[in-house]
N, C-alpha and C. Protein backbone atom coordinates (compact mmCIF):
# COMPACT_ATOMS: atom_id res chain seq x y z
N UNK A 1 2.55 -3.85 3.44
CA UNK A 1 2.18 -3.57 4.82
C UNK A 1 0.73 -3.70 4.89
N UNK A 2 0.20 -4.48 5.84
CA UNK A 2 -1.30 -4.69 5.97
C UNK A 2 -1.85 -4.10 7.23
N UNK A 3 -2.88 -3.32 7.05
CA UNK A 3 -3.47 -2.75 8.35
C UNK A 3 -4.45 -3.61 8.95
N UNK A 4 -5.15 -3.22 9.94
CA UNK A 4 -6.08 -3.97 10.70
C UNK A 4 -7.38 -4.13 9.76
N UNK A 5 -7.80 -3.28 8.94
CA UNK A 5 -8.93 -3.32 8.24
C UNK A 5 -8.89 -4.29 7.03
N UNK A 6 -9.88 -4.55 6.40
CA UNK A 6 -9.85 -5.53 5.25
C UNK A 6 -9.81 -4.83 3.97
N UNK A 7 -9.77 -3.66 3.94
CA UNK A 7 -9.81 -2.80 2.73
C UNK A 7 -8.43 -2.98 1.98
N UNK A 8 -8.38 -2.24 0.83
CA UNK A 8 -7.23 -2.35 -0.08
C UNK A 8 -6.59 -0.87 -0.25
N UNK A 9 -6.73 -0.08 0.73
CA UNK A 9 -6.28 1.35 0.77
C UNK A 9 -4.77 1.31 0.65
N UNK A 10 -4.11 1.96 -0.29
CA UNK A 10 -2.71 2.14 -0.28
C UNK A 10 -2.30 3.65 -0.13
N UNK A 11 -2.70 4.17 1.11
CA UNK A 11 -2.48 5.55 1.39
C UNK A 11 -1.09 5.99 1.27
N UNK A 12 -0.18 5.19 1.88
CA UNK A 12 1.27 5.58 1.77
C UNK A 12 1.79 5.72 0.40
N UNK A 13 1.52 4.66 -0.35
CA UNK A 13 1.84 4.60 -1.84
C UNK A 13 1.30 5.83 -2.54
N UNK A 14 0.03 6.05 -2.39
CA UNK A 14 -0.52 7.19 -3.02
C UNK A 14 -0.03 8.48 -2.82
N UNK A 15 0.39 8.69 -1.57
CA UNK A 15 1.01 10.05 -1.21
C UNK A 15 2.30 10.19 -1.82
N UNK A 16 3.17 9.14 -1.74
CA UNK A 16 4.50 9.18 -2.38
C UNK A 16 4.36 9.29 -3.93
N UNK A 17 3.46 8.67 -4.51
CA UNK A 17 3.29 8.80 -6.00
C UNK A 17 2.76 10.25 -6.34
N UNK A 18 1.97 10.75 -5.56
CA UNK A 18 1.35 12.21 -5.73
C UNK A 18 2.61 13.14 -5.55
N UNK A 19 3.43 12.92 -4.75
CA UNK A 19 4.65 13.80 -4.51
C UNK A 19 5.64 13.69 -5.63
N UNK A 20 5.89 12.40 -6.06
CA UNK A 20 6.94 12.32 -7.12
C UNK A 20 6.25 12.96 -8.38
N UNK A 21 4.88 12.88 -8.59
CA UNK A 21 4.28 13.48 -9.84
C UNK A 21 4.43 14.93 -9.77
N UNK A 22 4.14 15.63 -8.56
CA UNK A 22 4.22 17.08 -8.38
C UNK A 22 5.70 17.56 -8.49
N UNK A 23 6.62 16.85 -7.97
CA UNK A 23 8.02 17.23 -8.09
C UNK A 23 8.58 17.17 -9.60
N UNK A 24 8.07 16.23 -10.41
CA UNK A 24 8.34 16.19 -11.79
C UNK A 24 7.64 17.39 -12.47
N UNK A 25 6.52 17.77 -12.14
CA UNK A 25 5.78 18.93 -12.76
C UNK A 25 6.62 20.15 -12.28
N UNK A 26 7.05 20.28 -11.09
CA UNK A 26 7.80 21.48 -10.69
C UNK A 26 9.07 21.59 -11.50
N UNK A 27 9.83 20.48 -11.67
CA UNK A 27 11.01 20.54 -12.55
C UNK A 27 10.83 20.92 -13.92
N UNK A 28 9.56 20.74 -14.47
CA UNK A 28 9.24 21.19 -15.74
C UNK A 28 8.61 22.62 -15.88
N UNK A 29 8.25 23.18 -14.89
CA UNK A 29 7.73 24.41 -14.82
C UNK A 29 8.69 25.54 -14.99
N UNK A 30 8.33 26.55 -15.71
CA UNK A 30 9.21 27.67 -15.99
C UNK A 30 9.21 28.71 -14.71
N UNK A 31 8.16 28.71 -14.02
CA UNK A 31 8.14 29.63 -12.92
C UNK A 31 7.84 28.87 -11.74
N UNK A 32 8.05 29.39 -10.51
CA UNK A 32 7.81 28.66 -9.25
C UNK A 32 6.94 29.39 -8.34
N UNK A 33 5.91 30.19 -8.90
CA UNK A 33 5.05 31.00 -8.06
C UNK A 33 3.75 30.43 -7.86
N UNK A 34 3.51 29.09 -8.02
CA UNK A 34 2.32 28.46 -7.85
C UNK A 34 2.25 27.62 -6.49
N UNK A 35 1.07 27.68 -5.82
CA UNK A 35 0.78 27.01 -4.63
C UNK A 35 0.38 25.57 -5.07
N UNK A 36 0.94 24.62 -4.40
CA UNK A 36 0.45 23.17 -4.73
C UNK A 36 -0.15 22.68 -3.32
N UNK A 37 -1.44 22.06 -3.56
CA UNK A 37 -2.05 21.53 -2.46
C UNK A 37 -2.22 20.08 -2.64
N UNK A 38 -1.76 19.33 -1.68
CA UNK A 38 -2.13 17.85 -1.59
C UNK A 38 -3.14 17.50 -0.51
N UNK A 39 -4.21 17.33 -0.84
CA UNK A 39 -5.32 17.17 0.14
C UNK A 39 -5.80 15.67 0.13
N UNK A 40 -5.77 15.03 1.25
CA UNK A 40 -6.04 13.62 1.35
C UNK A 40 -7.25 13.52 2.34
N UNK A 41 -8.22 12.81 1.90
CA UNK A 41 -9.33 12.34 2.67
C UNK A 41 -9.11 10.90 3.04
N UNK A 42 -9.02 10.62 4.30
CA UNK A 42 -8.55 9.31 4.73
C UNK A 42 -9.12 8.95 6.21
N UNK A 43 -9.18 7.63 6.37
CA UNK A 43 -9.43 7.09 7.72
C UNK A 43 -8.11 6.84 8.45
N UNK A 44 -6.99 6.98 7.62
CA UNK A 44 -5.79 6.78 8.24
C UNK A 44 -5.24 5.27 8.10
N UNK A 45 -6.13 4.53 7.64
CA UNK A 45 -5.76 2.98 7.51
C UNK A 45 -5.03 2.79 6.24
N UNK A 46 -3.96 2.13 6.18
CA UNK A 46 -3.26 1.76 5.00
C UNK A 46 -3.10 0.17 5.17
N UNK A 47 -3.81 -0.44 4.05
CA UNK A 47 -3.85 -1.87 4.27
C UNK A 47 -2.98 -2.71 3.22
N UNK A 48 -2.42 -1.97 2.16
CA UNK A 48 -1.71 -2.77 1.27
C UNK A 48 -0.59 -1.97 0.52
N UNK A 49 -0.11 -0.86 1.12
CA UNK A 49 0.99 -0.05 0.55
C UNK A 49 2.30 -0.93 0.68
N UNK A 50 3.12 -0.77 -0.44
CA UNK A 50 4.53 -1.21 -0.35
C UNK A 50 5.42 -0.24 0.45
N UNK A 51 4.99 1.01 0.49
CA UNK A 51 5.69 2.04 1.20
C UNK A 51 5.28 2.00 2.66
N UNK A 52 6.23 2.06 3.49
CA UNK A 52 6.02 2.16 5.02
C UNK A 52 5.68 3.61 5.40
N UNK A 53 5.13 3.68 6.53
CA UNK A 53 4.70 4.99 7.16
C UNK A 53 5.91 5.96 7.23
N UNK A 54 7.07 5.42 7.65
CA UNK A 54 8.33 6.12 7.81
C UNK A 54 8.85 6.67 6.44
N UNK A 55 8.78 5.71 5.41
CA UNK A 55 9.22 6.28 4.14
C UNK A 55 8.31 7.32 3.55
N UNK A 56 7.06 7.22 3.83
CA UNK A 56 6.03 8.17 3.39
C UNK A 56 6.47 9.56 4.01
N UNK A 57 6.69 9.57 5.36
CA UNK A 57 7.00 10.82 6.03
C UNK A 57 8.26 11.28 5.57
N UNK A 58 9.28 10.63 5.32
CA UNK A 58 10.63 11.04 4.66
C UNK A 58 10.28 11.78 3.32
N UNK A 59 9.37 11.17 2.58
CA UNK A 59 9.04 11.84 1.31
C UNK A 59 8.35 13.08 1.47
N UNK A 60 7.42 13.12 2.42
CA UNK A 60 6.68 14.39 2.80
C UNK A 60 7.82 15.55 3.34
N UNK A 61 8.55 15.17 4.06
CA UNK A 61 9.60 16.06 4.61
C UNK A 61 10.50 16.57 3.63
N UNK A 62 10.78 15.58 2.67
CA UNK A 62 11.88 15.99 1.63
C UNK A 62 11.24 16.72 0.41
N UNK A 63 9.90 16.72 0.26
CA UNK A 63 9.34 17.33 -0.98
C UNK A 63 9.30 18.86 -0.75
N UNK A 64 9.51 19.43 0.37
CA UNK A 64 9.48 20.90 0.63
C UNK A 64 10.63 21.56 -0.23
N UNK A 65 11.65 20.91 -0.43
CA UNK A 65 12.84 21.47 -1.18
C UNK A 65 12.46 21.75 -2.79
N UNK A 66 11.97 20.53 -3.47
CA UNK A 66 11.71 20.86 -4.82
C UNK A 66 10.38 21.48 -5.04
N UNK A 67 9.41 21.45 -4.12
CA UNK A 67 8.15 22.07 -4.10
C UNK A 67 8.14 23.10 -3.22
N UNK A 68 8.52 24.38 -3.50
CA UNK A 68 8.55 25.44 -2.52
C UNK A 68 7.27 25.86 -1.91
N UNK A 69 6.19 25.78 -2.54
CA UNK A 69 4.99 26.23 -1.99
C UNK A 69 3.94 25.07 -1.86
N UNK A 70 4.48 23.96 -1.22
CA UNK A 70 3.63 22.79 -1.11
C UNK A 70 2.92 22.84 0.31
N UNK A 71 1.53 22.62 0.26
CA UNK A 71 0.84 22.57 1.44
C UNK A 71 0.05 21.27 1.35
N UNK A 72 0.28 20.47 2.53
CA UNK A 72 -0.42 19.17 2.55
C UNK A 72 -1.41 19.25 3.67
N UNK A 73 -2.52 18.73 3.39
CA UNK A 73 -3.63 18.80 4.26
C UNK A 73 -4.30 17.40 4.30
N UNK A 74 -4.35 16.89 5.57
CA UNK A 74 -5.07 15.60 5.76
C UNK A 74 -6.43 15.75 6.48
N UNK A 75 -7.49 15.32 5.77
CA UNK A 75 -8.78 15.29 6.28
C UNK A 75 -9.07 13.95 6.85
N UNK A 76 -9.28 13.64 8.09
CA UNK A 76 -9.34 12.31 8.62
C UNK A 76 -10.65 12.13 9.34
N UNK A 77 -11.05 10.93 9.00
CA UNK A 77 -12.27 10.47 9.63
C UNK A 77 -12.00 9.23 10.68
N UNK A 78 -12.38 9.32 11.85
CA UNK A 78 -12.30 8.28 12.81
C UNK A 78 -10.87 7.84 13.05
N UNK A 79 -9.87 8.69 12.96
CA UNK A 79 -8.59 8.42 13.18
C UNK A 79 -8.30 8.28 14.69
N UNK A 80 -7.91 7.20 15.23
CA UNK A 80 -7.64 7.06 16.62
C UNK A 80 -6.73 8.16 17.19
N UNK A 81 -6.80 8.56 18.45
CA UNK A 81 -6.02 9.56 19.10
C UNK A 81 -4.58 9.13 19.07
N UNK A 82 -4.36 7.81 19.34
CA UNK A 82 -2.96 7.38 19.42
C UNK A 82 -2.33 6.76 18.14
N UNK A 83 -2.94 7.11 17.05
CA UNK A 83 -2.50 6.58 15.72
C UNK A 83 -1.13 7.13 15.41
N UNK A 84 -0.24 6.18 15.01
CA UNK A 84 1.06 6.58 14.64
C UNK A 84 1.08 7.72 13.45
N UNK A 85 0.19 7.47 12.52
CA UNK A 85 0.01 8.43 11.41
C UNK A 85 -0.15 9.77 11.95
N UNK A 86 -1.28 9.90 12.87
CA UNK A 86 -1.54 11.26 13.42
C UNK A 86 -0.32 11.86 14.20
N UNK A 87 0.36 11.00 14.90
CA UNK A 87 1.51 11.54 15.52
C UNK A 87 2.61 12.03 14.54
N UNK A 88 2.80 11.22 13.49
CA UNK A 88 3.81 11.75 12.56
C UNK A 88 3.41 13.07 11.78
N UNK A 89 2.06 13.19 11.45
CA UNK A 89 1.68 14.22 10.74
C UNK A 89 1.72 15.57 11.58
N UNK A 90 1.44 15.40 12.94
CA UNK A 90 1.55 16.50 13.79
C UNK A 90 2.95 17.01 13.85
N UNK A 91 3.92 16.14 13.69
CA UNK A 91 5.33 16.57 13.81
C UNK A 91 5.97 17.04 12.53
N UNK A 92 5.22 16.87 11.42
CA UNK A 92 5.73 17.32 10.10
C UNK A 92 5.63 18.84 9.83
N UNK A 93 6.62 19.46 9.59
CA UNK A 93 6.46 20.91 9.33
C UNK A 93 5.71 21.24 8.18
N UNK A 94 5.73 20.61 7.10
CA UNK A 94 5.04 20.97 5.99
C UNK A 94 3.60 20.39 5.78
N UNK A 95 3.12 19.69 6.80
CA UNK A 95 1.71 19.41 6.88
C UNK A 95 1.00 20.61 7.54
N UNK A 96 0.20 21.20 6.67
CA UNK A 96 -0.46 22.52 7.17
C UNK A 96 -1.63 22.26 8.03
N UNK A 97 -2.34 21.19 7.87
CA UNK A 97 -3.64 21.06 8.61
C UNK A 97 -4.04 19.72 8.86
N UNK A 98 -4.54 19.38 9.94
CA UNK A 98 -5.15 18.13 10.19
C UNK A 98 -6.63 18.35 10.62
N UNK A 99 -7.57 18.14 9.56
CA UNK A 99 -8.84 18.41 9.84
C UNK A 99 -9.46 16.95 10.31
N UNK A 100 -10.08 16.98 11.39
CA UNK A 100 -10.69 15.78 12.05
C UNK A 100 -12.12 15.86 11.95
N UNK A 101 -12.74 14.75 11.53
CA UNK A 101 -14.24 14.53 11.58
C UNK A 101 -14.46 13.13 12.10
N UNK A 102 -15.70 12.92 12.65
CA UNK A 102 -15.94 11.78 13.36
C UNK A 102 -16.52 10.61 12.41
N UNK A 103 -17.46 10.91 11.51
CA UNK A 103 -18.04 10.01 10.79
C UNK A 103 -18.00 10.31 9.30
N UNK A 104 -18.53 9.43 8.42
CA UNK A 104 -18.82 9.79 7.03
C UNK A 104 -20.14 10.21 6.67
N UNK A 105 -20.87 10.64 7.73
CA UNK A 105 -22.21 11.26 7.56
C UNK A 105 -22.18 12.56 6.77
N UNK A 106 -23.24 12.89 6.06
CA UNK A 106 -23.24 14.10 5.27
C UNK A 106 -22.99 15.31 6.05
N UNK A 107 -23.47 15.55 7.25
CA UNK A 107 -23.11 16.79 8.06
C UNK A 107 -21.64 16.82 8.34
N UNK A 108 -21.01 15.75 8.76
CA UNK A 108 -19.66 15.73 9.12
C UNK A 108 -18.82 16.00 7.79
N UNK A 109 -19.12 15.49 6.76
CA UNK A 109 -18.46 15.74 5.49
C UNK A 109 -18.55 17.16 5.09
N UNK A 110 -19.63 17.71 5.24
CA UNK A 110 -19.87 19.05 4.94
C UNK A 110 -19.14 20.02 5.82
N UNK A 111 -18.98 19.67 7.07
CA UNK A 111 -18.13 20.51 7.99
C UNK A 111 -16.69 20.37 7.65
N UNK A 112 -16.31 19.13 7.22
CA UNK A 112 -14.91 18.90 6.93
C UNK A 112 -14.54 19.71 5.60
N UNK A 113 -15.47 19.81 4.50
CA UNK A 113 -15.27 20.58 3.29
C UNK A 113 -15.16 22.11 3.83
N UNK A 114 -16.05 22.42 4.61
CA UNK A 114 -16.01 23.88 5.06
C UNK A 114 -14.67 24.24 5.77
N UNK A 115 -14.24 23.33 6.69
CA UNK A 115 -12.97 23.52 7.30
C UNK A 115 -11.74 23.57 6.37
N UNK A 116 -11.85 22.65 5.33
CA UNK A 116 -10.89 22.54 4.38
C UNK A 116 -10.75 23.90 3.55
N UNK A 117 -11.88 24.49 3.14
CA UNK A 117 -11.97 25.70 2.28
C UNK A 117 -11.50 26.77 3.25
N UNK A 118 -11.65 26.84 4.60
CA UNK A 118 -11.15 27.81 5.38
C UNK A 118 -9.67 27.79 5.49
N UNK A 119 -9.18 26.56 5.66
CA UNK A 119 -7.69 26.33 5.78
C UNK A 119 -6.97 26.79 4.44
N UNK A 120 -7.55 26.43 3.40
CA UNK A 120 -6.98 26.87 2.00
C UNK A 120 -6.94 28.48 1.91
N UNK A 121 -8.12 29.05 2.18
CA UNK A 121 -8.16 30.58 2.16
C UNK A 121 -7.12 31.20 3.00
N UNK A 122 -6.94 30.59 4.28
CA UNK A 122 -5.92 31.18 5.17
C UNK A 122 -4.56 31.00 4.71
N UNK A 123 -4.18 29.86 4.17
CA UNK A 123 -2.84 29.71 3.55
C UNK A 123 -2.66 30.56 2.42
N UNK A 124 -3.60 30.73 1.54
CA UNK A 124 -3.43 31.58 0.37
C UNK A 124 -3.36 33.10 0.77
N UNK A 125 -4.08 33.45 1.80
CA UNK A 125 -3.98 34.70 2.28
C UNK A 125 -2.65 35.02 2.82
N UNK A 126 -2.02 34.24 3.53
CA UNK A 126 -0.75 34.41 4.07
C UNK A 126 0.33 34.42 3.15
N UNK A 127 0.29 33.47 2.17
CA UNK A 127 1.40 33.34 1.19
C UNK A 127 1.29 34.24 -0.08
N UNK A 128 0.18 34.76 -0.29
CA UNK A 128 -0.06 35.61 -1.57
C UNK A 128 0.21 37.06 -1.15
């Protein structure tokens, strides 16, 4: 699948591989009391994944069974309001946060990290 940009980002493939890895780790774990955070920093563009957006979202939705305390957070830069990725993420139950920032400038990145820290603290406060 090729996006509009000229980059080589494989966002969808990366998410699926990370979930597969974590599911394997969960299957090998003797206890299930750990929180798992999958945090993605992205502009939302996927330029070369073999996995489609729909397949990635199926993997995200299906991962909640084997990974009981999975928290997925997307930190997005310049993601268009009408992006299919944004719409899919907003509809997914186990995507905990969508943190939006406008540019890759230092002050925006700093705010994004502050927002991420706040989201993780809130999730851990509620689940622990």
